Amino acid sequence: MADRITVTLHELVSELDLYADAWLRSRHGISYNLFEFLAALAERQPIDITGLAQCLRVSKAAVSKRVPTMVADGWIVTSPGVGRRVELTLTQRGAELVQNAGGELEREFTAILSDPRLDPAHTLGAVEPEAFHTHLRTLTQIITEKELPS
């Protein structure tokens, strides 16, 4: 464990990703990478390839390259968008996976917040999932709004 909060946060996210990947593979036969793609699409659909690439913080080419396989595997469908853009939406299969696996992962991670090691002296009280989520969303918004140094 690191002494710096920035490193500790990165370690936490990395460990959560590894856990989610192993969990999704064992219970649903998919990678976290695929789930993240579908979950981002679920929240913003219909969305074009460029928009989804921005959401996932990957290149447009990275998303475009995955689309044919995801269509063939029955996770997403494509349709013409504005101009030459291609819009993406989830199939019923994709939507059900995001709903079911996402709910299960949410319960797994929420249960972690009740681990007694988070408050061994019983002075802080349990970590309340919704309050914690609100803080994380607010911190993300604050960071997003900060101007990057030039």
C-alpha atoms as a PDB file:
ATOM      1  CA  MET A   1       0.000   0.000   0.000  1.00  0.00           C
ATOM      2  CA  ALA A   2       1.196   3.471  -0.875  1.00  0.00           C
ATOM      3  CA  ASP A   3       1.449   6.544   1.319  1.00  0.00           C
ATOM      4  CA  ARG A   4      -0.019   8.861  -1.318  1.00  0.00           C
ATOM      5  CA  ILE A   5      -3.771   9.059  -1.846  1.00  0.00           C
ATOM      6  CA  THR A   6      -3.368   9.339  -5.630  1.00  0.00           C
ATOM      7  CA  VAL A   7      -1.457   6.062  -5.759  1.00  0.00           C
ATOM      8  CA  THR A   8      -3.817   4.368  -3.304  1.00  0.00           C
ATOM      9  CA  LEU A   9      -6.832   5.393  -5.395  1.00  0.00           C
ATOM     10  CA  HIS A  10      -5.175   4.000  -8.503  1.00  0.00           C
ATOM     11  CA  GLU A  11      -4.391   0.754  -6.651  1.00  0.00           C
ATOM     12  CA  LEU A  12      -8.013   0.505  -5.491  1.00  0.00           C
ATOM     13  CA  VAL A  13      -9.410   0.992  -8.993  1.00  0.00           C
ATOM     14  CA  SER A  14      -6.936  -1.532 -10.397  1.00  0.00           C
ATOM     15  CA  GLU A  15      -7.892  -4.118  -7.781  1.00  0.00           C
ATOM     16  CA  LEU A  16     -11.610  -3.476  -8.353  1.00  0.00           C
ATOM     17  CA  ASP A  17     -11.103  -3.975 -12.089  1.00  0.00           C
ATOM     18  CA  LEU A  18      -9.186  -7.231 -11.526  1.00  0.00           C
ATOM     19  CA  TYR A  19     -11.841  -8.503  -9.127  1.00  0.00           C
ATOM     20  CA  ALA A  20     -14.673  -7.517 -11.492  1.00  0.00           C
ATOM     21  CA  ASP A  21     -12.922  -9.222 -14.399  1.00  0.00           C
ATOM     22  CA  ALA A  22     -12.444 -12.501 -12.510  1.00  0.00           C
ATOM     23  CA  TRP A  23     -15.985 -12.330 -11.125  1.00  0.00           C
ATOM     24  CA  LEU A  24     -17.588 -11.650 -14.529  1.00  0.00           C
ATOM     25  CA  ARG A  25     -15.540 -14.378 -16.206  1.00  0.00           C
ATOM     26  CA  SER A  26     -16.531 -16.953 -13.590  1.00  0.00           C
ATOM     27  CA  ARG A  27     -20.244 -16.096 -13.488  1.00  0.00           C
ATOM     28  CA  HIS A  28     -21.038 -14.728 -16.942  1.00  0.00           C
ATOM     29  CA  GLY A  29     -18.165 -15.858 -19.170  1.00  0.00           C
ATOM     30  CA  ILE A  30     -17.233 -12.311 -20.190  1.00  0.00           C
ATOM     31  CA  SER A  31     -14.385  -9.927 -19.474  1.00  0.00           C
ATOM     32  CA  TYR A  32     -14.681  -6.707 -17.533  1.00  0.00           C
ATOM     33  CA  ASN A  33     -13.509  -4.960 -20.687  1.00  0.00           C
ATOM     34  CA  LEU A  34     -16.583  -6.197 -22.576  1.00  0.00           C
ATOM     35  CA  PHE A  35     -18.857  -5.364 -19.649  1.00  0.00           C
ATOM     36  CA  GLU A  36     -17.438  -1.828 -19.399  1.00  0.00           C
ATOM     37  CA  PHE A  37     -18.071  -1.288 -23.122  1.00  0.00           C
ATOM     38  CA  LEU A  38     -21.660  -2.527 -22.869  1.00  0.00           C
ATOM     39  CA  ALA A  39     -22.373  -0.674 -19.624  1.00  0.00           C
ATOM     40  CA  ALA A  40     -21.128   2.625 -21.076  1.00  0.00           C
ATOM     41  CA  LEU A  41     -23.294   2.027 -24.131  1.00  0.00           C
ATOM     42  CA  ALA A  42     -26.305   1.204 -21.931  1.00  0.00           C
ATOM     43  CA  GLU A  43     -26.063   4.551 -20.154  1.00  0.00           C
ATOM     44  CA  ARG A  44     -25.769   6.634 -23.317  1.00  0.00           C
ATOM     45  CA  GLN A  45     -27.525   4.743 -26.104  1.00  0.00           C
ATOM     46  CA  PRO A  46     -28.104   5.388 -28.847  1.00  0.00           C
ATOM     47  CA  ILE A  47     -24.630   6.824 -29.287  1.00  0.00           C
ATOM     48  CA  ASP A  48     -22.262   7.022 -32.213  1.00  0.00           C
ATOM     49  CA  ILE A  49     -18.834   5.434 -32.283  1.00  0.00           C
ATOM     50  CA  THR A  50     -17.031   8.717 -31.642  1.00  0.00           C
ATOM     51  CA  GLY A  51     -19.171   9.487 -28.600  1.00  0.00           C
ATOM     52  CA  LEU A  52     -18.686   6.031 -27.124  1.00  0.00           C
ATOM     53  CA  ALA A  53     -14.930   6.247 -27.706  1.00  0.00           C
ATOM     54  CA  GLN A  54     -14.877   9.502 -25.741  1.00  0.00           C
ATOM     55  CA  CYS A  55     -16.871   7.930 -22.899  1.00  0.00           C
ATOM     56  CA  LEU A  56     -14.508   4.972 -22.725  1.00  0.00           C
ATOM     57  CA  ARG A  57     -11.413   7.175 -23.157  1.00  0.00           C
ATOM     58  CA  VAL A  58     -10.174   5.123 -26.087  1.00  0.00           C
ATOM     59  CA  SER A  59      -9.682   5.908 -29.751  1.00  0.00           C
ATOM     60  CA  LYS A  60     -12.472   5.861 -32.292  1.00  0.00           C
ATOM     61  CA  ALA A  61     -10.522   3.117 -34.084  1.00  0.00           C
ATOM     62  CA  ALA A  62     -10.516   0.981 -30.926  1.00  0.00           C
ATOM     63  CA  VAL A  63     -14.310   1.127 -30.741  1.00  0.00           C
ATOM     64  CA  SER A  64     -14.775   0.665 -34.507  1.00  0.00           C
ATOM     65  CA  LYS A  65     -12.572  -2.420 -34.438  1.00  0.00           C
ATOM     66  CA  ARG A  66     -14.744  -4.092 -31.764  1.00  0.00           C
ATOM     67  CA  VAL A  67     -18.129  -3.314 -33.304  1.00  0.00           C
ATOM     68  CA  PRO A  68     -18.301  -6.112 -35.937  1.00  0.00           C
ATOM     69  CA  THR A  69     -17.507  -8.805 -33.364  1.00  0.00           C
ATOM     70  CA  MET A  70     -20.017  -7.399 -30.883  1.00  0.00           C
ATOM     71  CA  VAL A  71     -22.686  -7.306 -33.567  1.00  0.00           C
ATOM     72  CA  ALA A  72     -21.853 -10.883 -34.619  1.00  0.00           C
ATOM     73  CA  ASP A  73     -21.955 -12.018 -30.972  1.00  0.00           C
ATOM     74  CA  GLY A  74     -25.388 -10.451 -30.507  1.00  0.00           C
ATOM     75  CA  TRP A  75     -24.447  -7.779 -27.959  1.00  0.00           C
ATOM     76  CA  ILE A  76     -25.136  -4.649 -30.022  1.00  0.00           C
ATOM     77  CA  VAL A  77     -26.831  -3.454 -33.203  1.00  0.00           C
ATOM     78  CA  THR A  78     -25.775  -0.645 -35.499  1.00  0.00           C
ATOM     79  CA  SER A  79     -27.912   1.796 -37.422  1.00  0.00           C
ATOM     80  CA  PRO A  80     -27.234   4.817 -39.623  1.00  0.00           C
ATOM     81  CA  GLY A  81     -26.787   8.029 -37.704  1.00  0.00           C
ATOM     82  CA  VAL A  82     -26.425  11.629 -38.794  1.00  0.00           C
ATOM     83  CA  GLY A  83     -24.200  11.958 -41.857  1.00  0.00           C
ATOM     84  CA  ARG A  84     -21.767   9.077 -42.056  1.00  0.00           C
ATOM     85  CA  ARG A  85     -21.967   8.278 -38.369  1.00  0.00           C
ATOM     86  CA  VAL A  86     -22.979   4.848 -37.114  1.00  0.00           C
ATOM     87  CA  GLU A  87     -25.168   4.657 -34.012  1.00  0.00           C
ATOM     88  CA  LEU A  88     -24.878   1.822 -31.528  1.00  0.00           C
ATOM     89  CA  THR A  89     -27.539   0.325 -29.262  1.00  0.00           C
ATOM     90  CA  LEU A  90     -27.664  -2.765 -27.103  1.00  0.00           C
ATOM     91  CA  THR A  91     -29.592  -5.836 -28.132  1.00  0.00           C
ATOM     92  CA  GLN A  92     -31.935  -7.388 -25.592  1.00  0.00           C
ATOM     93  CA  ARG A  93     -29.150  -9.855 -24.781  1.00  0.00           C
ATOM     94  CA  GLY A  94     -26.711  -7.001 -24.145  1.00  0.00           C
ATOM     95  CA  ALA A  95     -29.209  -5.044 -22.065  1.00  0.00           C
ATOM     96  CA  GLU A  96     -30.010  -8.105 -19.937  1.00  0.00           C
ATOM     97  CA  LEU A  97     -26.331  -8.786 -19.332  1.00  0.00           C
ATOM     98  CA  VAL A  98     -25.675  -5.211 -18.227  1.00  0.00           C
ATOM     99  CA  GLN A  99     -28.762  -5.255 -15.991  1.00  0.00           C
ATOM    100  CA  ASN A 100     -28.072  -8.633 -14.386  1.00  0.00           C
ATOM    101  CA  ALA A 101     -24.288  -8.645 -14.153  1.00  0.00           C
ATOM    102  CA  GLY A 102     -24.234  -4.958 -13.259  1.00  0.00           C
ATOM    103  CA  GLY A 103     -26.682  -5.500 -10.415  1.00  0.00           C
ATOM    104  CA  GLU A 104     -24.712  -8.456  -9.134  1.00  0.00           C
ATOM    105  CA  LEU A 105     -21.422  -6.532  -9.247  1.00  0.00           C
ATOM    106  CA  GLU A 106     -23.085  -3.599  -7.500  1.00  0.00           C
ATOM    107  CA  ARG A 107     -24.165  -5.900  -4.668  1.00  0.00           C
ATOM    108  CA  GLU A 108     -20.655  -7.403  -4.464  1.00  0.00           C
ATOM    109  CA  PHE A 109     -18.980  -4.024  -4.202  1.00  0.00           C
ATOM    110  CA  THR A 110     -21.606  -2.644  -1.820  1.00  0.00           C
ATOM    111  CA  ALA A 111     -21.040  -5.622   0.494  1.00  0.00           C
ATOM    112  CA  ILE A 112     -17.351  -4.712   0.623  1.00  0.00           C
ATOM    113  CA  LEU A 113     -18.317  -1.388   2.203  1.00  0.00           C
ATOM    114  CA  SER A 114     -19.703  -3.229   5.225  1.00  0.00           C
ATOM    115  CA  ASP A 115     -16.421  -5.039   5.944  1.00  0.00           C
ATOM    116  CA  PRO A 116     -15.636  -4.445   9.637  1.00  0.00           C
ATOM    117  CA  ARG A 117     -12.005  -3.624   8.784  1.00  0.00           C
ATOM    118  CA  LEU A 118     -13.240  -0.267   7.468  1.00  0.00           C
ATOM    119  CA  ASP A 119     -14.132   0.706  11.061  1.00  0.00           C
ATOM    120  CA  PRO A 120     -12.300  -1.638  13.440  1.00  0.00           C
ATOM    121  CA  ALA A 121     -12.878   0.574  16.485  1.00  0.00           C
ATOM    122  CA  HIS A 122     -16.586   1.010  15.639  1.00  0.00           C
ATOM    123  CA  THR A 123     -16.247   4.777  15.889  1.00  0.00           C
ATOM    124  CA  LEU A 124     -16.999   5.845  12.329  1.00  0.00           C
ATOM    125  CA  GLY A 125     -20.020   3.712  11.554  1.00  0.00           C
ATOM    126  CA  ALA A 126     -20.571   1.758   8.379  1.00  0.00           C
ATOM    127  CA  VAL A 127     -19.671   3.226   5.021  1.00  0.00           C
ATOM    128  CA  GLU A 128     -23.063   4.175   3.577  1.00  0.00           C
ATOM    129  CA  PRO A 129     -23.039   3.103  -0.088  1.00  0.00           C
ATOM    130  CA  GLU A 130     -25.191   5.915  -1.468  1.00  0.00           C
ATOM    131  CA  ALA A 131     -23.261   8.636   0.390  1.00  0.00           C
ATOM    132  CA  PHE A 132     -19.970   7.095  -0.757  1.00  0.00           C
ATOM    133  CA  HIS A 133     -21.245   6.987  -4.344  1.00  0.00           C
ATOM    134  CA  THR A 134     -22.342  10.623  -4.101  1.00  0.00           C
ATOM    135  CA  HIS A 135     -18.873  11.610  -2.896  1.00  0.00           C
ATOM    136  CA  LEU A 136     -17.214   9.676  -5.730  1.00  0.00           C
ATOM    137  CA  ARG A 137     -19.473  11.312  -8.355  1.00  0.00           C
ATOM    138  CA  THR A 138     -18.809  14.749  -6.882  1.00  0.00           C
ATOM    139  CA  LEU A 139     -15.047  14.165  -6.788  1.00  0.00           C
ATOM    140  CA  THR A 140     -15.153  13.007 -10.413  1.00  0.00           C
ATOM    141  CA  GLN A 141     -17.062  16.140 -11.393  1.00  0.00           C
ATOM    142  CA  ILE A 142     -14.634  18.386  -9.517  1.00  0.00           C
ATOM    143  CA  ILE A 143     -11.636  16.785 -11.252  1.00  0.00           C
ATOM    144  CA  THR A 144     -13.367  16.945 -14.645  1.00  0.00           C
ATOM    145  CA  GLU A 145     -14.028  20.667 -14.213  1.00  0.00           C
ATOM    146  CA  LYS A 146     -10.452  21.523 -13.221  1.00  0.00           C
ATOM    147  CA  GLU A 147      -8.347  23.131 -15.903  1.00  0.00           C
ATOM    148  CA  LEU A 148      -5.415  21.047 -16.965  1.00  0.00           C
ATOM    149  CA  PRO A 149      -2.028  22.732 -16.621  1.00  0.00           C
ATOM    150  CA  SER A 150      -0.538  23.828 -19.907  1.00  0.00           C
END
